[in-house]
Amino acid sequence: MSDVPGYLTRYYKRNENPFISLNDFPLEQANKIKRLHCQQDGIGGFYAEDDYLVHRLEIEKWIYNQLLLKGGAPKESVPIYMTLGDSPTGQFDIRADLQKNASELRIPIEVLDLSAVTFTFPDSMYKIILDDNGNIIDGGRTNTPIVYLYYEIENIIKKYAHYLDEHYIEAQVWNREMLYRFYDPY
């Protein structure tokens, strides 16, 4: 797949384990962590809302079930969020908002068990609606993103090619064991 980036990127706060998700914690504790993150980094918008993690859990369940329906083999019920390739620059650069001053890890696609990886375009909490000519005519938050597997990504890249400078393809990795081989906290 020549147009598909050969790696996933995980952006994460420095000095934190990159493979821990807020949804690994009880909701009250996760919201405390998220509020502190928002306060420290000046993050507002949907992410800062109190019900963000409730929505995130709903979407994770949706994606998990879509992966099962497509024949995937998740190892965990909470994914680790990554981008396919790098985050784009500009308005939707996650390094400029949610992941200010982030550290990053790149994981080569060829070493991953792709039966435990899903993809959404763009972010799993957002949808883009195109007209017949491929122009964006609408978009907004969603609880039911379209879920893709790796073999479908090349077509998604072709379909949305002129939007990939602004939007990223999100990857959800449902098997952390294969990620930890690339992380040494020391």
N, C-alpha and C. Protein backbone atom coordinates (compact mmCIF):
# COMPACT_ATOMS: atom_id res chain seq x y z
N MET A 1 0.84 -1.17 0.00
CA MET A 1 0.00 0.00 0.00
C MET A 1 0.89 1.24 0.00
N SER A 2 1.20 1.69 -1.17
CA SER A 2 2.21 2.72 -1.34
C SER A 2 1.85 4.08 -0.75
N ASP A 3 0.58 4.45 -0.72
CA ASP A 3 0.19 5.76 -0.20
C ASP A 3 -0.05 5.77 1.30
N VAL A 4 0.01 4.61 1.91
CA VAL A 4 -0.31 4.50 3.33
C VAL A 4 0.98 4.66 4.14
N PRO A 5 0.98 5.59 5.13
CA PRO A 5 2.17 5.71 5.99
C PRO A 5 2.49 4.36 6.63
N GLY A 6 3.76 4.10 6.84
CA GLY A 6 4.20 2.81 7.36
C GLY A 6 4.30 2.73 8.87
N TYR A 7 3.70 3.68 9.57
CA TYR A 7 3.81 3.69 11.02
C TYR A 7 2.59 4.38 11.65
N LEU A 8 2.39 4.07 12.92
CA LEU A 8 1.42 4.77 13.76
C LEU A 8 2.21 5.64 14.72
N THR A 9 1.65 6.79 15.09
CA THR A 9 2.31 7.68 16.04
C THR A 9 1.43 7.86 17.27
N ARG A 10 2.07 7.72 18.41
CA ARG A 10 1.39 7.96 19.69
C ARG A 10 1.95 9.24 20.27
N TYR A 11 1.10 10.24 20.46
CA TYR A 11 1.46 11.48 21.13
C TYR A 11 1.00 11.36 22.58
N TYR A 12 1.86 11.75 23.51
CA TYR A 12 1.52 11.59 24.92
C TYR A 12 2.28 12.62 25.75
N LYS A 13 1.72 12.90 26.92
CA LYS A 13 2.36 13.86 27.82
C LYS A 13 3.70 13.31 28.30
N ARG A 14 4.67 14.17 28.30
CA ARG A 14 6.00 13.78 28.79
C ARG A 14 5.89 13.23 30.22
N ASN A 15 6.72 12.27 30.51
CA ASN A 15 6.79 11.65 31.84
C ASN A 15 5.54 10.85 32.21
N GLU A 16 4.70 10.54 31.22
CA GLU A 16 3.55 9.68 31.47
C GLU A 16 3.67 8.44 30.61
N ASN A 17 3.11 7.35 31.08
CA ASN A 17 3.10 6.12 30.30
C ASN A 17 2.23 6.33 29.06
N PRO A 18 2.77 6.16 27.87
CA PRO A 18 1.99 6.44 26.66
C PRO A 18 0.88 5.44 26.39
N PHE A 19 0.89 4.33 27.10
CA PHE A 19 -0.09 3.29 26.82
C PHE A 19 -1.08 3.08 27.96
N ILE A 20 -1.38 4.18 28.64
CA ILE A 20 -2.45 4.21 29.63
C ILE A 20 -3.50 5.17 29.08
N SER A 21 -4.74 4.75 29.13
CA SER A 21 -5.85 5.58 28.66
C SER A 21 -6.62 6.11 29.85
N LEU A 22 -7.21 7.29 29.70
CA LEU A 22 -8.06 7.80 30.78
C LEU A 22 -9.17 6.82 31.12
N ASN A 23 -9.67 6.12 30.13
CA ASN A 23 -10.77 5.18 30.39
C ASN A 23 -10.32 3.89 31.06
N ASP A 24 -9.05 3.79 31.39
CA ASP A 24 -8.57 2.69 32.23
C ASP A 24 -8.92 2.94 33.70
N PHE A 25 -9.20 4.20 34.02
CA PHE A 25 -9.47 4.60 35.40
C PHE A 25 -10.98 4.69 35.63
N PRO A 26 -11.41 4.60 36.88
CA PRO A 26 -12.82 4.88 37.18
C PRO A 26 -13.15 6.30 36.70
N LEU A 27 -14.39 6.51 36.31
CA LEU A 27 -14.80 7.77 35.67
C LEU A 27 -14.46 8.99 36.50
N GLU A 28 -14.71 8.96 37.79
CA GLU A 28 -14.43 10.13 38.64
C GLU A 28 -12.94 10.46 38.64
N GLN A 29 -12.10 9.45 38.79
CA GLN A 29 -10.65 9.67 38.77
C GLN A 29 -10.18 10.14 37.41
N ALA A 30 -10.71 9.55 36.35
CA ALA A 30 -10.33 9.94 34.99
C ALA A 30 -10.70 11.40 34.73
N ASN A 31 -11.86 11.83 35.20
CA ASN A 31 -12.26 13.22 35.01
C ASN A 31 -11.36 14.17 35.78
N LYS A 32 -10.90 13.78 36.97
CA LYS A 32 -9.95 14.62 37.71
C LYS A 32 -8.66 14.80 36.93
N ILE A 33 -8.15 13.70 36.39
CA ILE A 33 -6.91 13.75 35.59
C ILE A 33 -7.12 14.64 34.37
N LYS A 34 -8.24 14.46 33.69
CA LYS A 34 -8.53 15.24 32.48
C LYS A 34 -8.67 16.73 32.80
N ARG A 35 -9.36 17.06 33.89
CA ARG A 35 -9.52 18.47 34.26
C ARG A 35 -8.17 19.12 34.55
N LEU A 36 -7.29 18.39 35.24
CA LEU A 36 -5.95 18.91 35.52
C LEU A 36 -5.18 19.13 34.22
N HIS A 37 -5.26 18.16 33.32
CA HIS A 37 -4.61 18.28 32.01
C HIS A 37 -5.14 19.52 31.28
N CYS A 38 -6.44 19.72 31.28
CA CYS A 38 -7.03 20.88 30.60
C CYS A 38 -6.57 22.19 31.24
N GLN A 39 -6.53 22.20 32.56
CA GLN A 39 -6.10 23.40 33.28
C GLN A 39 -4.64 23.72 33.01
N GLN A 40 -3.77 22.71 33.07
CA GLN A 40 -2.33 22.93 32.88
C GLN A 40 -2.01 23.38 31.46
N ASP A 41 -2.73 22.85 30.47
CA ASP A 41 -2.40 23.13 29.07
C ASP A 41 -3.37 24.08 28.39
N GLY A 42 -4.30 24.66 29.14
CA GLY A 42 -5.23 25.62 28.56
C GLY A 42 -6.14 25.02 27.49
N ILE A 43 -6.62 23.81 27.73
CA ILE A 43 -7.45 23.12 26.76
C ILE A 43 -8.91 23.35 27.09
N GLY A 44 -9.67 23.71 26.08
CA GLY A 44 -11.10 23.92 26.25
C GLY A 44 -11.87 23.05 25.29
N GLY A 45 -13.03 23.51 24.89
CA GLY A 45 -13.83 22.79 23.91
C GLY A 45 -14.41 21.50 24.43
N PHE A 46 -14.78 20.63 23.52
CA PHE A 46 -15.46 19.38 23.83
C PHE A 46 -14.65 18.53 24.80
N TYR A 47 -13.33 18.48 24.63
CA TYR A 47 -12.49 17.65 25.50
C TYR A 47 -12.61 18.07 26.96
N ALA A 48 -12.79 19.34 27.21
CA ALA A 48 -12.85 19.86 28.57
C ALA A 48 -14.21 19.65 29.23
N GLU A 49 -15.21 19.29 28.46
CA GLU A 49 -16.55 19.11 29.03
C GLU A 49 -16.58 17.89 29.96
N ASP A 50 -17.42 17.98 31.00
CA ASP A 50 -17.49 16.91 31.99
C ASP A 50 -17.97 15.58 31.42
N ASP A 51 -18.79 15.62 30.37
CA ASP A 51 -19.32 14.37 29.82
C ASP A 51 -18.47 13.81 28.67
N TYR A 52 -17.31 14.39 28.43
CA TYR A 52 -16.46 13.91 27.35
C TYR A 52 -16.14 12.42 27.49
N LEU A 53 -15.73 11.99 28.67
CA LEU A 53 -15.32 10.59 28.85
C LEU A 53 -16.51 9.62 28.76
N VAL A 54 -17.69 10.08 29.10
CA VAL A 54 -18.88 9.25 28.92
C VAL A 54 -19.09 8.99 27.43
N HIS A 55 -18.98 10.06 26.63
CA HIS A 55 -19.10 9.91 25.17
C HIS A 55 -17.97 9.03 24.62
N ARG A 56 -16.78 9.25 25.13
CA ARG A 56 -15.64 8.46 24.67
C ARG A 56 -15.88 6.96 24.94
N LEU A 57 -16.41 6.63 26.09
CA LEU A 57 -16.71 5.22 26.40
C LEU A 57 -17.75 4.64 25.45
N GLU A 58 -18.78 5.42 25.14
CA GLU A 58 -19.81 4.97 24.18
C GLU A 58 -19.19 4.67 22.83
N ILE A 59 -18.31 5.54 22.39
CA ILE A 59 -17.68 5.38 21.08
C ILE A 59 -16.73 4.19 21.08
N GLU A 60 -16.01 4.01 22.18
CA GLU A 60 -15.11 2.86 22.27
C GLU A 60 -15.89 1.55 22.17
N LYS A 61 -17.04 1.50 22.82
CA LYS A 61 -17.87 0.29 22.72
C LYS A 61 -18.34 0.08 21.28
N TRP A 62 -18.73 1.17 20.61
CA TRP A 62 -19.16 1.09 19.21
C TRP A 62 -18.02 0.55 18.32
N ILE A 63 -16.84 1.15 18.46
CA ILE A 63 -15.70 0.74 17.63
C ILE A 63 -15.32 -0.71 17.92
N TYR A 64 -15.28 -1.07 19.19
CA TYR A 64 -14.97 -2.44 19.60
C TYR A 64 -15.92 -3.42 18.92
N ASN A 65 -17.21 -3.14 18.99
CA ASN A 65 -18.20 -4.03 18.37
C ASN A 65 -18.07 -4.06 16.85
N GLN A 66 -17.74 -2.93 16.25
CA GLN A 66 -17.52 -2.91 14.81
C GLN A 66 -16.31 -3.76 14.43
N LEU A 67 -15.27 -3.71 15.25
CA LEU A 67 -14.08 -4.54 15.01
C LEU A 67 -14.46 -6.02 15.07
N LEU A 68 -15.25 -6.40 16.06
CA LEU A 68 -15.69 -7.79 16.15
C LEU A 68 -16.52 -8.20 14.93
N LEU A 69 -17.43 -7.32 14.50
CA LEU A 69 -18.26 -7.62 13.33
C LEU A 69 -17.43 -7.78 12.06
N LYS A 70 -16.30 -7.09 12.00
CA LYS A 70 -15.43 -7.17 10.83
C LYS A 70 -14.41 -8.30 10.94
N GLY A 71 -14.51 -9.10 12.00
CA GLY A 71 -13.63 -10.25 12.15
C GLY A 71 -12.34 -9.98 12.89
N GLY A 72 -12.24 -8.83 13.56
CA GLY A 72 -11.03 -8.49 14.30
C GLY A 72 -10.91 -9.26 15.59
N ALA A 73 -9.75 -9.10 16.23
CA ALA A 73 -9.46 -9.84 17.46
C ALA A 73 -8.86 -8.90 18.51
N PRO A 74 -9.70 -8.05 19.13
CA PRO A 74 -9.17 -7.17 20.17
C PRO A 74 -8.74 -7.95 21.40
N LYS A 75 -7.72 -7.46 22.06
CA LYS A 75 -7.24 -8.09 23.30
C LYS A 75 -7.70 -7.30 24.54
N GLU A 76 -8.11 -6.05 24.32
CA GLU A 76 -8.55 -5.19 25.42
C GLU A 76 -9.83 -4.47 25.03
N SER A 77 -10.53 -3.95 26.03
CA SER A 77 -11.79 -3.25 25.75
C SER A 77 -11.61 -1.74 25.67
N VAL A 78 -10.43 -1.24 26.01
CA VAL A 78 -10.12 0.19 25.92
C VAL A 78 -8.90 0.33 25.00
N PRO A 79 -9.03 1.11 23.93
CA PRO A 79 -7.90 1.22 22.99
C PRO A 79 -6.90 2.29 23.39
N ILE A 80 -5.77 2.24 22.72
CA ILE A 80 -4.79 3.32 22.75
C ILE A 80 -4.95 4.05 21.43
N TYR A 81 -5.10 5.37 21.50
CA TYR A 81 -5.33 6.18 20.31
C TYR A 81 -4.01 6.64 19.72
N MET A 82 -3.92 6.50 18.42
CA MET A 82 -2.71 6.89 17.69
C MET A 82 -3.16 7.56 16.39
N THR A 83 -2.22 8.09 15.65
CA THR A 83 -2.51 8.58 14.31
C THR A 83 -1.77 7.71 13.30
N LEU A 84 -2.36 7.56 12.14
CA LEU A 84 -1.67 6.89 11.04
C LEU A 84 -0.72 7.92 10.46
N GLY A 85 0.56 7.66 10.56
CA GLY A 85 1.56 8.66 10.17
C GLY A 85 1.62 9.75 11.23
N ASP A 86 1.85 10.97 10.78
CA ASP A 86 1.97 12.11 11.69
C ASP A 86 0.67 12.89 11.75
N SER A 87 0.50 13.64 12.82
CA SER A 87 -0.62 14.57 12.89
C SER A 87 -0.37 15.67 11.87
N PRO A 88 -1.42 16.12 11.19
CA PRO A 88 -1.22 17.21 10.23
C PRO A 88 -0.93 18.51 10.99
N THR A 89 -0.35 19.45 10.30
CA THR A 89 -0.16 20.77 10.89
C THR A 89 -1.44 21.58 10.65
N GLY A 90 -1.54 22.71 11.26
CA GLY A 90 -2.71 23.56 11.05
C GLY A 90 -3.77 23.39 12.11
N GLN A 91 -5.01 23.68 11.75
CA GLN A 91 -6.13 23.73 12.68
C GLN A 91 -6.34 22.45 13.47
N PHE A 92 -6.12 21.29 12.86
CA PHE A 92 -6.41 20.03 13.52
C PHE A 92 -5.15 19.28 13.97
N ASP A 93 -4.07 20.01 14.18
CA ASP A 93 -2.83 19.42 14.69
C ASP A 93 -3.02 19.12 16.18
N ILE A 94 -3.06 17.85 16.53
CA ILE A 94 -3.30 17.52 17.94
C ILE A 94 -2.14 17.93 18.84
N ARG A 95 -0.98 18.19 18.26
CA ARG A 95 0.16 18.65 19.05
C ARG A 95 -0.02 20.11 19.47
N ALA A 96 -0.90 20.83 18.81
CA ALA A 96 -1.13 22.23 19.14
C ALA A 96 -2.28 22.40 20.13
N ASP A 97 -3.00 21.33 20.41
CA ASP A 97 -4.16 21.43 21.28
C ASP A 97 -4.06 20.41 22.41
N LEU A 98 -4.56 19.21 22.17
CA LEU A 98 -4.62 18.21 23.23
C LEU A 98 -3.25 17.71 23.66
N GLN A 99 -2.29 17.74 22.78
CA GLN A 99 -0.98 17.18 23.10
C GLN A 99 0.13 18.23 22.95
N LYS A 100 -0.07 19.38 23.59
CA LYS A 100 0.96 20.42 23.57
C LYS A 100 2.25 19.88 24.17
N ASN A 101 3.35 20.18 23.53
CA ASN A 101 4.67 19.75 23.99
C ASN A 101 4.75 18.24 24.21
N ALA A 102 4.08 17.51 23.36
CA ALA A 102 3.99 16.06 23.53
C ALA A 102 5.27 15.35 23.13
N SER A 103 5.46 14.22 23.77
CA SER A 103 6.45 13.27 23.31
C SER A 103 5.75 12.41 22.27
N GLU A 104 6.51 11.68 21.50
CA GLU A 104 5.88 10.83 20.50
C GLU A 104 6.65 9.54 20.31
N LEU A 105 5.90 8.51 19.98
CA LEU A 105 6.47 7.21 19.63
C LEU A 105 5.93 6.82 18.27
N ARG A 106 6.80 6.29 17.44
CA ARG A 106 6.37 5.76 16.14
C ARG A 106 6.52 4.24 16.18
N ILE A 107 5.45 3.57 15.79
CA ILE A 107 5.42 2.11 15.78
C ILE A 107 5.24 1.66 14.33
N PRO A 108 6.16 0.87 13.79
CA PRO A 108 6.02 0.40 12.41
C PRO A 108 4.79 -0.50 12.25
N ILE A 109 4.03 -0.25 11.20
CA ILE A 109 2.82 -1.04 10.92
C ILE A 109 3.14 -2.52 10.79
N GLU A 110 4.26 -2.84 10.16
CA GLU A 110 4.54 -4.26 9.84
C GLU A 110 4.75 -5.13 11.07
N VAL A 111 4.96 -4.53 12.24
CA VAL A 111 5.16 -5.35 13.44
C VAL A 111 3.88 -5.51 14.26
N LEU A 112 2.79 -4.91 13.78
CA LEU A 112 1.54 -4.95 14.53
C LEU A 112 0.63 -6.08 14.06
N ASP A 113 -0.12 -6.62 15.00
CA ASP A 113 -1.18 -7.55 14.68
C ASP A 113 -2.37 -6.69 14.28
N LEU A 114 -2.60 -6.55 12.99
CA LEU A 114 -3.62 -5.63 12.49
C LEU A 114 -5.04 -6.10 12.75
N SER A 115 -5.21 -7.31 13.25
CA SER A 115 -6.55 -7.76 13.63
C SER A 115 -7.01 -7.07 14.92
N ALA A 116 -6.10 -6.35 15.58
CA ALA A 116 -6.42 -5.63 16.81
C ALA A 116 -6.27 -4.13 16.63
N VAL A 117 -6.39 -3.64 15.38
CA VAL A 117 -6.26 -2.21 15.10
C VAL A 117 -7.43 -1.78 14.23
N THR A 118 -8.07 -0.69 14.63
CA THR A 118 -9.12 -0.08 13.82
C THR A 118 -8.68 1.33 13.44
N PHE A 119 -9.37 1.88 12.45
CA PHE A 119 -9.08 3.23 11.98
C PHE A 119 -10.38 3.99 11.77
N THR A 120 -10.33 5.29 12.00
CA THR A 120 -11.45 6.17 11.69
C THR A 120 -10.90 7.40 10.98
N PHE A 121 -11.72 7.98 10.13
CA PHE A 121 -11.35 9.25 9.52
C PHE A 121 -12.54 10.18 9.63
N PRO A 122 -12.30 11.33 10.21
CA PRO A 122 -11.08 11.72 10.92
C PRO A 122 -11.10 11.10 12.32
N ASP A 123 -10.93 11.91 13.31
CA ASP A 123 -11.02 11.51 14.70
C ASP A 123 -12.31 10.71 14.93
N SER A 124 -12.27 9.72 15.82
CA SER A 124 -13.41 8.84 16.03
C SER A 124 -14.64 9.54 16.61
N MET A 125 -14.48 10.75 17.12
CA MET A 125 -15.62 11.47 17.68
C MET A 125 -16.16 12.52 16.72
N TYR A 126 -15.72 12.47 15.47
CA TYR A 126 -16.09 13.49 14.50
C TYR A 126 -16.36 12.82 13.17
N LYS A 127 -17.30 13.35 12.41
CA LYS A 127 -17.55 12.82 11.08
C LYS A 127 -17.51 13.95 10.06
N ILE A 128 -17.13 13.58 8.85
CA ILE A 128 -17.12 14.50 7.72
C ILE A 128 -18.09 13.95 6.69
N ILE A 129 -18.93 14.81 6.16
CA ILE A 129 -19.87 14.41 5.12
C ILE A 129 -19.47 15.11 3.83
N LEU A 130 -19.28 14.30 2.78
CA LEU A 130 -18.86 14.82 1.48
C LEU A 130 -20.02 14.82 0.49
N ASP A 131 -19.98 15.74 -0.48
CA ASP A 131 -20.94 15.67 -1.57
C ASP A 131 -20.41 14.73 -2.65
N ASP A 132 -21.12 14.59 -3.75
CA ASP A 132 -20.73 13.67 -4.82
C ASP A 132 -19.40 14.04 -5.47
N ASN A 133 -18.98 15.30 -5.31
CA ASN A 133 -17.71 15.75 -5.89
C ASN A 133 -16.55 15.66 -4.90
N GLY A 134 -16.81 15.15 -3.71
CA GLY A 134 -15.75 14.99 -2.72
C GLY A 134 -15.48 16.22 -1.89
N ASN A 135 -16.40 17.19 -1.89
CA ASN A 135 -16.24 18.40 -1.09
C ASN A 135 -16.95 18.24 0.24
N ILE A 136 -16.35 18.77 1.29
CA ILE A 136 -16.99 18.70 2.60
C ILE A 136 -18.22 19.59 2.59
N ILE A 137 -19.37 18.99 2.94
CA ILE A 137 -20.60 19.78 3.01
C ILE A 137 -21.12 19.87 4.45
N ASP A 138 -20.62 19.03 5.31
CA ASP A 138 -21.05 19.05 6.69
C ASP A 138 -20.08 18.25 7.54
N GLY A 139 -20.23 18.37 8.83
CA GLY A 139 -19.41 17.61 9.76
C GLY A 139 -19.84 17.90 11.17
N GLY A 140 -19.41 17.09 12.08
CA GLY A 140 -19.74 17.32 13.47
C GLY A 140 -19.48 16.09 14.31
N ARG A 141 -19.82 16.19 15.58
CA ARG A 141 -19.58 15.09 16.51
C ARG A 141 -20.46 13.89 16.16
N THR A 142 -19.94 12.72 16.48
CA THR A 142 -20.68 11.48 16.23
C THR A 142 -20.44 10.49 17.36
N ASN A 143 -21.39 9.59 17.55
CA ASN A 143 -21.21 8.48 18.48
C ASN A 143 -21.06 7.17 17.72
N THR A 144 -21.18 7.24 16.38
CA THR A 144 -21.11 6.02 15.55
C THR A 144 -20.20 6.26 14.35
N PRO A 145 -18.90 6.38 14.59
CA PRO A 145 -17.99 6.63 13.46
C PRO A 145 -17.94 5.43 12.52
N ILE A 146 -17.54 5.71 11.29
CA ILE A 146 -17.28 4.63 10.34
C ILE A 146 -15.93 4.03 10.72
N VAL A 147 -15.92 2.73 10.89
CA VAL A 147 -14.72 2.03 11.35
C VAL A 147 -14.13 1.25 10.18
N TYR A 148 -12.82 1.42 10.00
CA TYR A 148 -12.11 0.76 8.91
C TYR A 148 -11.05 -0.17 9.47
N LEU A 149 -10.73 -1.16 8.68
CA LEU A 149 -9.58 -2.01 8.96
C LEU A 149 -8.44 -1.59 8.04
N TYR A 150 -7.26 -2.08 8.33
CA TYR A 150 -6.08 -1.64 7.59
C TYR A 150 -6.21 -1.82 6.08
N TYR A 151 -6.77 -2.93 5.64
CA TYR A 151 -6.87 -3.18 4.20
C TYR A 151 -7.77 -2.16 3.50
N GLU A 152 -8.57 -1.41 4.25
CA GLU A 152 -9.45 -0.40 3.66
C GLU A 152 -8.83 0.99 3.61
N ILE A 153 -7.69 1.16 4.25
CA ILE A 153 -7.10 2.49 4.42
C ILE A 153 -6.65 3.13 3.11
N GLU A 154 -6.10 2.36 2.21
CA GLU A 154 -5.63 2.95 0.95
C GLU A 154 -6.79 3.64 0.23
N ASN A 155 -7.96 3.05 0.22
CA ASN A 155 -9.12 3.68 -0.41
C ASN A 155 -9.56 4.94 0.32
N ILE A 156 -9.46 4.93 1.63
CA ILE A 156 -9.81 6.11 2.42
C ILE A 156 -8.84 7.24 2.12
N ILE A 157 -7.56 6.91 2.01
CA ILE A 157 -6.56 7.93 1.68
C ILE A 157 -6.84 8.53 0.31
N LYS A 158 -7.21 7.71 -0.64
CA LYS A 158 -7.54 8.22 -1.98
C LYS A 158 -8.79 9.10 -1.93
N LYS A 159 -9.81 8.64 -1.22
CA LYS A 159 -11.08 9.36 -1.15
C LYS A 159 -10.91 10.72 -0.48
N TYR A 160 -10.12 10.79 0.58
CA TYR A 160 -9.98 12.02 1.36
C TYR A 160 -8.63 12.70 1.16
N ALA A 161 -7.95 12.40 0.09
CA ALA A 161 -6.57 12.86 -0.12
C ALA A 161 -6.38 14.36 0.13
N HIS A 162 -7.27 15.18 -0.40
CA HIS A 162 -7.06 16.62 -0.26
C HIS A 162 -7.45 17.15 1.12
N TYR A 163 -7.89 16.28 2.02
CA TYR A 163 -8.18 16.69 3.40
C TYR A 163 -7.14 16.18 4.39
N LEU A 164 -6.22 15.36 3.93
CA LEU A 164 -5.25 14.76 4.85
C LEU A 164 -4.18 15.72 5.31
N ASP A 165 -4.08 16.88 4.67
CA ASP A 165 -3.17 17.91 5.18
C ASP A 165 -3.76 18.59 6.42
N GLU A 166 -5.08 18.47 6.58
CA GLU A 166 -5.77 19.13 7.69
C GLU A 166 -6.26 18.15 8.75
N HIS A 167 -6.64 16.95 8.34
CA HIS A 167 -7.22 15.96 9.25
C HIS A 167 -6.35 14.72 9.29
N TYR A 168 -6.33 14.07 10.41
CA TYR A 168 -5.55 12.83 10.54
C TYR A 168 -6.48 11.63 10.48
N ILE A 169 -5.90 10.50 10.17
CA ILE A 169 -6.59 9.22 10.30
C ILE A 169 -6.22 8.70 11.68
N GLU A 170 -7.24 8.48 12.48
CA GLU A 170 -7.01 7.99 13.83
C GLU A 170 -6.94 6.47 13.82
N ALA A 171 -6.03 5.94 14.61
CA ALA A 171 -5.92 4.49 14.79
C ALA A 171 -6.25 4.19 16.24
N GLN A 172 -6.97 3.10 16.44
CA GLN A 172 -7.27 2.62 17.78
C GLN A 172 -6.64 1.24 17.91
N VAL A 173 -5.70 1.11 18.83
CA VAL A 173 -4.97 -0.14 19.00
C VAL A 173 -5.55 -0.86 20.22
N TRP A 174 -6.04 -2.07 19.98
CA TRP A 174 -6.75 -2.84 20.99
C TRP A 174 -5.88 -3.97 21.57
N ASN A 175 -4.57 -3.81 21.51
CA ASN A 175 -3.63 -4.78 22.06
C ASN A 175 -2.37 -4.02 22.46
N ARG A 176 -2.26 -3.70 23.72
CA ARG A 176 -1.13 -2.90 24.20
C ARG A 176 0.16 -3.69 24.28
N GLU A 177 0.05 -4.98 24.46
CA GLU A 177 1.24 -5.82 24.59
C GLU A 177 2.20 -5.59 23.42
N MET A 178 1.65 -5.48 22.22
CA MET A 178 2.53 -5.30 21.06
C MET A 178 3.12 -3.89 21.00
N LEU A 179 2.54 -2.94 21.72
CA LEU A 179 3.07 -1.58 21.74
C LEU A 179 4.20 -1.42 22.74
N TYR A 180 4.10 -2.11 23.87
CA TYR A 180 5.10 -1.95 24.93
C TYR A 180 6.51 -2.36 24.50
N ARG A 181 6.63 -3.13 23.45
CA ARG A 181 7.97 -3.48 22.97
C ARG A 181 8.74 -2.25 22.49
N PHE A 182 8.02 -1.15 22.25
CA PHE A 182 8.64 0.06 21.71
C PHE A 182 8.76 1.18 22.72
N TYR A 183 8.51 0.86 23.97
CA TYR A 183 8.54 1.89 25.00
C TYR A 183 9.42 1.43 26.15
N ASP A 184 10.44 2.21 26.42
CA ASP A 184 11.31 1.97 27.57
C ASP A 184 11.26 3.23 28.42
N PRO A 185 10.65 3.16 29.60
CA PRO A 185 10.49 4.37 30.41
C PRO A 185 11.80 4.89 31.00
N TYR A 186 12.89 4.16 30.83
CA TYR A 186 14.15 4.59 31.44
C TYR A 186 15.16 5.09 30.45
